[in-house]
Amino acid sequence: MGQTLFAEKKALELKSELAIAKKLIATLEAELSLYKQKYRDEVDNNEYKTKYRELLDSHWDWKLRQKSMTELNYDGDETSK
């Protein structure tokens, strides 16, 4: 009788530890998924920024080329005089 009581207590203790472990695993998986999403968003955002900068650079290169064809001493000043 003493051993069955001990075994039942041990079984309850193990079930409790298992439930805690499952909850911890679920929490960690949720955090991992959130981290992956943030990382993916950051990568996408950086790719967007790179493409945008390249587009702006090509625009300014074209603009400077156009200016240099029309003005011999173009200094890059875009303000109206």
N, C-alpha and C. Protein backbone atom coordinates (compact mmCIF):
# COMPACT_ATOMS: atom_id res chain seq x y z
N MET A 1 0.82 -1.18 0.00
CA MET A 1 0.00 0.00 0.00
C MET A 1 0.87 1.26 0.00
N GLY A 2 1.93 1.25 0.72
CA GLY A 2 2.84 2.39 0.79
C GLY A 2 3.51 2.65 -0.55
N GLN A 3 3.84 1.55 -1.25
CA GLN A 3 4.51 1.72 -2.53
C GLN A 3 3.55 2.26 -3.59
N THR A 4 2.30 1.83 -3.57
CA THR A 4 1.32 2.33 -4.55
C THR A 4 1.06 3.82 -4.33
N LEU A 5 1.01 4.23 -3.07
CA LEU A 5 0.83 5.65 -2.77
C LEU A 5 2.02 6.46 -3.27
N PHE A 6 3.21 5.92 -3.04
CA PHE A 6 4.44 6.57 -3.52
C PHE A 6 4.44 6.64 -5.05
N ALA A 7 4.04 5.55 -5.70
CA ALA A 7 4.01 5.49 -7.16
C ALA A 7 2.98 6.48 -7.72
N GLU A 8 1.84 6.61 -7.05
CA GLU A 8 0.82 7.55 -7.51
C GLU A 8 1.31 8.99 -7.38
N LYS A 9 1.97 9.30 -6.24
CA LYS A 9 2.53 10.64 -6.06
C LYS A 9 3.59 10.93 -7.12
N LYS A 10 4.43 9.94 -7.37
CA LYS A 10 5.50 10.10 -8.37
C LYS A 10 4.88 10.32 -9.76
N ALA A 11 3.82 9.56 -10.07
CA ALA A 11 3.14 9.70 -11.36
C ALA A 11 2.54 11.10 -11.50
N LEU A 12 1.90 11.59 -10.45
CA LEU A 12 1.33 12.94 -10.48
C LEU A 12 2.43 14.01 -10.65
N GLU A 13 3.54 13.79 -9.94
CA GLU A 13 4.66 14.71 -10.05
C GLU A 13 5.21 14.74 -11.47
N LEU A 14 5.36 13.56 -12.07
CA LEU A 14 5.87 13.47 -13.44
C LEU A 14 4.88 14.09 -14.44
N LYS A 15 3.58 13.88 -14.22
CA LYS A 15 2.58 14.49 -15.10
C LYS A 15 2.64 16.01 -15.01
N SER A 16 2.83 16.50 -13.80
CA SER A 16 2.93 17.94 -13.60
C SER A 16 4.17 18.50 -14.32
N GLU A 17 5.30 17.81 -14.17
CA GLU A 17 6.52 18.25 -14.85
C GLU A 17 6.36 18.19 -16.37
N LEU A 18 5.67 17.17 -16.86
CA LEU A 18 5.42 17.04 -18.29
C LEU A 18 4.56 18.20 -18.80
N ALA A 19 3.53 18.55 -18.05
CA ALA A 19 2.66 19.66 -18.43
C ALA A 19 3.44 20.98 -18.47
N ILE A 20 4.30 21.18 -17.47
CA ILE A 20 5.12 22.39 -17.43
C ILE A 20 6.08 22.42 -18.62
N ALA A 21 6.69 21.28 -18.91
CA ALA A 21 7.62 21.20 -20.04
C ALA A 21 6.91 21.47 -21.36
N LYS A 22 5.70 20.93 -21.53
CA LYS A 22 4.94 21.17 -22.76
C LYS A 22 4.61 22.65 -22.90
N LYS A 23 4.23 23.28 -21.80
CA LYS A 23 3.90 24.71 -21.83
C LYS A 23 5.14 25.53 -22.18
N LEU A 24 6.28 25.17 -21.61
CA LEU A 24 7.53 25.86 -21.89
C LEU A 24 7.91 25.69 -23.37
N ILE A 25 7.76 24.49 -23.89
CA ILE A 25 8.06 24.24 -25.30
C ILE A 25 7.15 25.07 -26.20
N ALA A 26 5.87 25.14 -25.87
CA ALA A 26 4.93 25.94 -26.65
C ALA A 26 5.32 27.41 -26.63
N THR A 27 5.73 27.90 -25.46
CA THR A 27 6.15 29.30 -25.34
C THR A 27 7.39 29.56 -26.18
N LEU A 28 8.36 28.64 -26.10
CA LEU A 28 9.59 28.80 -26.88
C LEU A 28 9.32 28.74 -28.38
N GLU A 29 8.41 27.87 -28.79
CA GLU A 29 8.07 27.78 -30.20
C GLU A 29 7.39 29.07 -30.68
N ALA A 30 6.56 29.65 -29.83
CA ALA A 30 5.90 30.92 -30.18
C ALA A 30 6.94 32.03 -30.31
N GLU A 31 7.89 32.08 -29.39
CA GLU A 31 8.94 33.09 -29.45
C GLU A 31 9.81 32.89 -30.69
N LEU A 32 10.11 31.64 -31.02
CA LEU A 32 10.91 31.33 -32.20
C LEU A 32 10.19 31.78 -33.46
N SER A 33 8.91 31.52 -33.53
CA SER A 33 8.14 31.92 -34.69
C SER A 33 8.09 33.44 -34.81
N LEU A 34 7.94 34.14 -33.70
CA LEU A 34 7.95 35.60 -33.70
C LEU A 34 9.31 36.12 -34.15
N TYR A 35 10.39 35.53 -33.64
CA TYR A 35 11.74 35.93 -34.03
C TYR A 35 11.95 35.71 -35.53
N LYS A 36 11.50 34.57 -36.05
CA LYS A 36 11.65 34.30 -37.48
C LYS A 36 10.90 35.33 -38.30
N GLN A 37 9.70 35.71 -37.86
CA GLN A 37 8.91 36.70 -38.60
C GLN A 37 9.61 38.05 -38.58
N LYS A 38 10.13 38.45 -37.40
CA LYS A 38 10.83 39.72 -37.32
C LYS A 38 12.07 39.71 -38.20
N TYR A 39 12.80 38.59 -38.18
CA TYR A 39 14.00 38.46 -39.00
C TYR A 39 13.64 38.56 -40.47
N ARG A 40 12.58 37.86 -40.88
CA ARG A 40 12.15 37.87 -42.28
C ARG A 40 11.72 39.29 -42.69
N ASP A 41 10.98 39.97 -41.81
CA ASP A 41 10.57 41.35 -42.10
C ASP A 41 11.78 42.26 -42.25
N GLU A 42 12.77 42.06 -41.38
CA GLU A 42 13.98 42.88 -41.44
C GLU A 42 14.74 42.64 -42.74
N VAL A 43 14.85 41.38 -43.12
CA VAL A 43 15.52 41.05 -44.38
C VAL A 43 14.77 41.67 -45.55
N ASP A 44 13.45 41.52 -45.56
CA ASP A 44 12.64 42.10 -46.62
C ASP A 44 12.80 43.62 -46.64
N ASN A 45 12.79 44.23 -45.48
CA ASN A 45 12.93 45.67 -45.38
C ASN A 45 14.29 46.12 -45.91
N ASN A 46 15.35 45.39 -45.56
CA ASN A 46 16.69 45.75 -46.05
C ASN A 46 16.78 45.57 -47.55
N GLU A 47 16.15 44.52 -48.09
CA GLU A 47 16.16 44.32 -49.54
C GLU A 47 15.43 45.48 -50.21
N TYR A 48 14.32 45.90 -49.62
CA TYR A 48 13.56 47.03 -50.17
C TYR A 48 14.41 48.30 -50.14
N LYS A 49 15.08 48.54 -49.02
CA LYS A 49 15.91 49.74 -48.90
C LYS A 49 17.03 49.72 -49.93
N THR A 50 17.65 48.57 -50.12
CA THR A 50 18.73 48.46 -51.10
C THR A 50 18.22 48.76 -52.50
N LYS A 51 17.09 48.16 -52.85
CA LYS A 51 16.52 48.41 -54.18
C LYS A 51 16.15 49.88 -54.35
N TYR A 52 15.59 50.48 -53.31
CA TYR A 52 15.20 51.88 -53.37
C TYR A 52 16.44 52.77 -53.55
N ARG A 53 17.50 52.48 -52.80
CA ARG A 53 18.74 53.27 -52.93
C ARG A 53 19.32 53.13 -54.32
N GLU A 54 19.31 51.89 -54.85
CA GLU A 54 19.83 51.68 -56.21
C GLU A 54 19.00 52.47 -57.22
N LEU A 55 17.69 52.49 -57.02
CA LEU A 55 16.83 53.25 -57.92
C LEU A 55 17.14 54.75 -57.84
N LEU A 56 17.29 55.26 -56.61
CA LEU A 56 17.64 56.67 -56.45
C LEU A 56 19.00 56.98 -57.06
N ASP A 57 19.98 56.11 -56.83
CA ASP A 57 21.30 56.33 -57.39
C ASP A 57 21.25 56.38 -58.91
N SER A 58 20.51 55.46 -59.50
CA SER A 58 20.43 55.46 -60.97
C SER A 58 19.71 56.72 -61.46
N HIS A 59 18.70 57.16 -60.70
CA HIS A 59 18.00 58.39 -61.07
C HIS A 59 18.96 59.58 -61.04
N TRP A 60 19.75 59.70 -59.96
CA TRP A 60 20.67 60.84 -59.85
C TRP A 60 21.79 60.73 -60.87
N ASP A 61 22.24 59.53 -61.16
CA ASP A 61 23.26 59.36 -62.20
C ASP A 61 22.73 59.87 -63.53
N TRP A 62 21.50 59.50 -63.85
CA TRP A 62 20.89 59.94 -65.11
C TRP A 62 20.72 61.45 -65.11
N LYS A 63 20.27 62.00 -63.98
CA LYS A 63 20.04 63.44 -63.89
C LYS A 63 21.35 64.20 -64.06
N LEU A 64 22.41 63.72 -63.43
CA LEU A 64 23.70 64.39 -63.56
C LEU A 64 24.22 64.28 -64.98
N ARG A 65 24.01 63.14 -65.61
CA ARG A 65 24.43 62.96 -66.99
C ARG A 65 23.69 63.95 -67.90
N GLN A 66 22.40 64.10 -67.67
CA GLN A 66 21.62 65.04 -68.47
C GLN A 66 22.12 66.47 -68.27
N LYS A 67 22.39 66.83 -67.01
CA LYS A 67 22.89 68.17 -66.71
C LYS A 67 24.24 68.40 -67.36
N SER A 68 25.12 67.41 -67.28
CA SER A 68 26.46 67.58 -67.83
C SER A 68 26.41 67.72 -69.35
N MET A 69 25.40 67.14 -69.98
CA MET A 69 25.28 67.30 -71.42
C MET A 69 24.78 68.69 -71.79
N THR A 70 24.04 69.33 -70.89
CA THR A 70 23.48 70.64 -71.21
C THR A 70 24.30 71.79 -70.63
N GLU A 71 25.03 71.53 -69.57
CA GLU A 71 25.83 72.59 -68.95
C GLU A 71 27.26 72.09 -68.76
N LEU A 72 28.20 72.84 -69.26
CA LEU A 72 29.59 72.40 -69.16
C LEU A 72 30.11 72.44 -67.73
N ASN A 73 29.72 73.41 -66.95
CA ASN A 73 30.27 73.59 -65.60
C ASN A 73 29.24 73.26 -64.53
N TYR A 74 28.52 72.16 -64.68
CA TYR A 74 27.52 71.79 -63.69
C TYR A 74 28.18 71.43 -62.37
N ASP A 75 27.77 72.11 -61.28
CA ASP A 75 28.41 71.88 -59.97
C ASP A 75 27.56 71.01 -59.04
N GLY A 76 26.38 70.57 -59.49
CA GLY A 76 25.56 69.71 -58.66
C GLY A 76 24.57 70.45 -57.81
N ASP A 77 24.57 71.78 -57.87
CA ASP A 77 23.66 72.58 -57.07
C ASP A 77 22.28 72.54 -57.72
N GLU A 78 21.29 71.99 -57.01
CA GLU A 78 19.95 71.83 -57.56
C GLU A 78 19.01 72.97 -57.18
N THR A 79 19.50 73.93 -56.38
CA THR A 79 18.62 75.02 -55.93
C THR A 79 18.46 76.06 -57.04
N SER A 80 17.29 76.68 -57.07
CA SER A 80 17.03 77.72 -58.07
C SER A 80 17.83 78.96 -57.73
N LYS A 81 18.32 79.61 -58.76
CA LYS A 81 19.11 80.82 -58.51
C LYS A 81 18.35 82.04 -58.92
